[in-house]
Amino acid sequence: MHPILHRPHMHFIMHRNNMATYSYLQVRPSLLQPLYRHLEESRILTLT
């Protein structure tokens, strides 16, 4: 395996960042609702 791709401490940092992002998304859904709606509308407009 490529040495850069397989670094346990890097994986740990990425995992911690993902968990922090996930908990942030869980805590602040009201901020994300308009963003998701906007993304959905943009994607629908792009598909048509």
N, C-alpha and C. Protein backbone atom coordinates (compact mmCIF):
# COMPACT_ATOMS: atom_id res chain seq x y z
N MET A 1 0.84 -1.19 0.00
CA MET A 1 0.00 0.00 0.00
C MET A 1 0.88 1.25 0.00
N HIS A 2 0.35 2.28 -0.60
CA HIS A 2 1.12 3.52 -0.68
C HIS A 2 1.32 4.09 0.72
N PRO A 3 2.55 4.50 1.05
CA PRO A 3 2.82 4.95 2.43
C PRO A 3 2.03 6.20 2.81
N ILE A 4 1.77 7.08 1.85
CA ILE A 4 1.04 8.31 2.18
C ILE A 4 -0.43 7.99 2.48
N LEU A 5 -0.97 7.00 1.79
CA LEU A 5 -2.37 6.66 1.99
C LEU A 5 -2.58 5.89 3.29
N HIS A 6 -1.54 5.23 3.75
CA HIS A 6 -1.69 4.40 4.94
C HIS A 6 -0.87 4.98 6.09
N ARG A 7 -1.39 6.04 6.68
CA ARG A 7 -0.75 6.64 7.85
C ARG A 7 -1.77 6.62 8.97
N PRO A 8 -1.55 5.82 9.99
CA PRO A 8 -2.55 5.70 11.05
C PRO A 8 -2.90 7.04 11.71
N HIS A 9 -1.92 7.89 11.95
CA HIS A 9 -2.23 9.14 12.63
C HIS A 9 -3.04 10.06 11.71
N MET A 10 -2.75 10.00 10.40
CA MET A 10 -3.54 10.81 9.48
C MET A 10 -4.98 10.30 9.44
N HIS A 11 -5.12 8.98 9.41
CA HIS A 11 -6.46 8.40 9.41
C HIS A 11 -7.21 8.79 10.69
N PHE A 12 -6.50 8.81 11.81
CA PHE A 12 -7.11 9.16 13.08
C PHE A 12 -7.57 10.61 13.06
N ILE A 13 -6.72 11.49 12.51
CA ILE A 13 -7.09 12.91 12.43
C ILE A 13 -8.31 13.07 11.53
N MET A 14 -8.32 12.38 10.39
CA MET A 14 -9.46 12.48 9.49
C MET A 14 -10.72 11.94 10.15
N HIS A 15 -10.58 10.86 10.88
CA HIS A 15 -11.73 10.27 11.57
C HIS A 15 -12.27 11.25 12.61
N ARG A 16 -11.37 11.88 13.35
CA ARG A 16 -11.81 12.85 14.37
C ARG A 16 -12.51 14.02 13.70
N ASN A 17 -11.96 14.49 12.58
CA ASN A 17 -12.60 15.60 11.87
C ASN A 17 -13.99 15.21 11.38
N ASN A 18 -14.12 13.99 10.88
CA ASN A 18 -15.42 13.53 10.41
C ASN A 18 -16.41 13.45 11.57
N MET A 19 -15.98 12.98 12.71
CA MET A 19 -16.86 12.89 13.87
C MET A 19 -17.26 14.28 14.33
N ALA A 20 -16.32 15.22 14.31
CA ALA A 20 -16.64 16.58 14.72
C ALA A 20 -17.64 17.19 13.75
N THR A 21 -17.44 16.96 12.46
CA THR A 21 -18.37 17.49 11.46
C THR A 21 -19.74 16.86 11.63
N TYR A 22 -19.76 15.55 11.87
CA TYR A 22 -21.03 14.85 12.05
C TYR A 22 -21.79 15.38 13.26
N SER A 23 -21.09 15.56 14.38
CA SER A 23 -21.75 16.07 15.58
C SER A 23 -22.22 17.51 15.34
N TYR A 24 -21.45 18.29 14.60
CA TYR A 24 -21.87 19.65 14.29
C TYR A 24 -23.14 19.64 13.44
N LEU A 25 -23.18 18.73 12.46
CA LEU A 25 -24.38 18.63 11.63
C LEU A 25 -25.58 18.18 12.46
N GLN A 26 -25.34 17.33 13.44
CA GLN A 26 -26.43 16.87 14.29
C GLN A 26 -26.95 18.01 15.17
N VAL A 27 -26.04 18.86 15.62
CA VAL A 27 -26.42 19.93 16.54
C VAL A 27 -27.08 21.09 15.80
N ARG A 28 -26.63 21.38 14.59
CA ARG A 28 -27.12 22.56 13.88
C ARG A 28 -27.86 22.21 12.60
N PRO A 29 -28.95 21.45 12.67
CA PRO A 29 -29.65 21.12 11.43
C PRO A 29 -30.37 22.33 10.83
N SER A 30 -30.74 23.30 11.69
CA SER A 30 -31.49 24.46 11.18
C SER A 30 -30.66 25.29 10.22
N LEU A 31 -29.33 25.27 10.39
CA LEU A 31 -28.47 25.99 9.45
C LEU A 31 -28.39 25.28 8.12
N LEU A 32 -28.54 23.95 8.16
CA LEU A 32 -28.31 23.17 6.95
C LEU A 32 -29.56 22.99 6.10
N GLN A 33 -30.74 23.14 6.72
CA GLN A 33 -31.96 22.95 5.95
C GLN A 33 -32.03 23.88 4.74
N PRO A 34 -31.79 25.18 4.86
CA PRO A 34 -31.83 26.05 3.68
C PRO A 34 -30.75 25.68 2.66
N LEU A 35 -29.58 25.27 3.15
CA LEU A 35 -28.50 24.90 2.23
C LEU A 35 -28.88 23.66 1.43
N TYR A 36 -29.41 22.65 2.12
CA TYR A 36 -29.83 21.44 1.42
C TYR A 36 -30.93 21.75 0.42
N ARG A 37 -31.86 22.60 0.83
CA ARG A 37 -32.96 22.94 -0.08
C ARG A 37 -32.39 23.64 -1.31
N HIS A 38 -31.45 24.54 -1.10
CA HIS A 38 -30.84 25.26 -2.22
C HIS A 38 -30.11 24.30 -3.14
N LEU A 39 -29.38 23.34 -2.55
CA LEU A 39 -28.66 22.36 -3.37
C LEU A 39 -29.62 21.49 -4.16
N GLU A 40 -30.71 21.08 -3.52
CA GLU A 40 -31.70 20.27 -4.23
C GLU A 40 -32.28 21.05 -5.41
N GLU A 41 -32.64 22.31 -5.17
CA GLU A 41 -33.21 23.12 -6.25
C GLU A 41 -32.19 23.32 -7.37
N SER A 42 -30.94 23.56 -7.01
CA SER A 42 -29.90 23.74 -8.03
C SER A 42 -29.72 22.46 -8.84
N ARG A 43 -29.75 21.32 -8.15
CA ARG A 43 -29.55 20.05 -8.86
C ARG A 43 -30.73 19.78 -9.78
N ILE A 44 -31.93 20.11 -9.33
CA ILE A 44 -33.11 19.91 -10.18
C ILE A 44 -33.02 20.81 -11.40
N LEU A 45 -32.60 22.05 -11.19
CA LEU A 45 -32.46 22.97 -12.31
C LEU A 45 -31.38 22.49 -13.28
N THR A 46 -30.33 21.90 -12.75
CA THR A 46 -29.25 21.41 -13.61
C THR A 46 -29.71 20.21 -14.43
N LEU A 47 -30.56 19.36 -13.83
CA LEU A 47 -30.98 18.15 -14.53
C LEU A 47 -31.99 18.45 -15.63
N THR A 48 -32.77 19.50 -15.47
CA THR A 48 -33.81 19.79 -16.46
C THR A 48 -33.23 20.49 -17.67
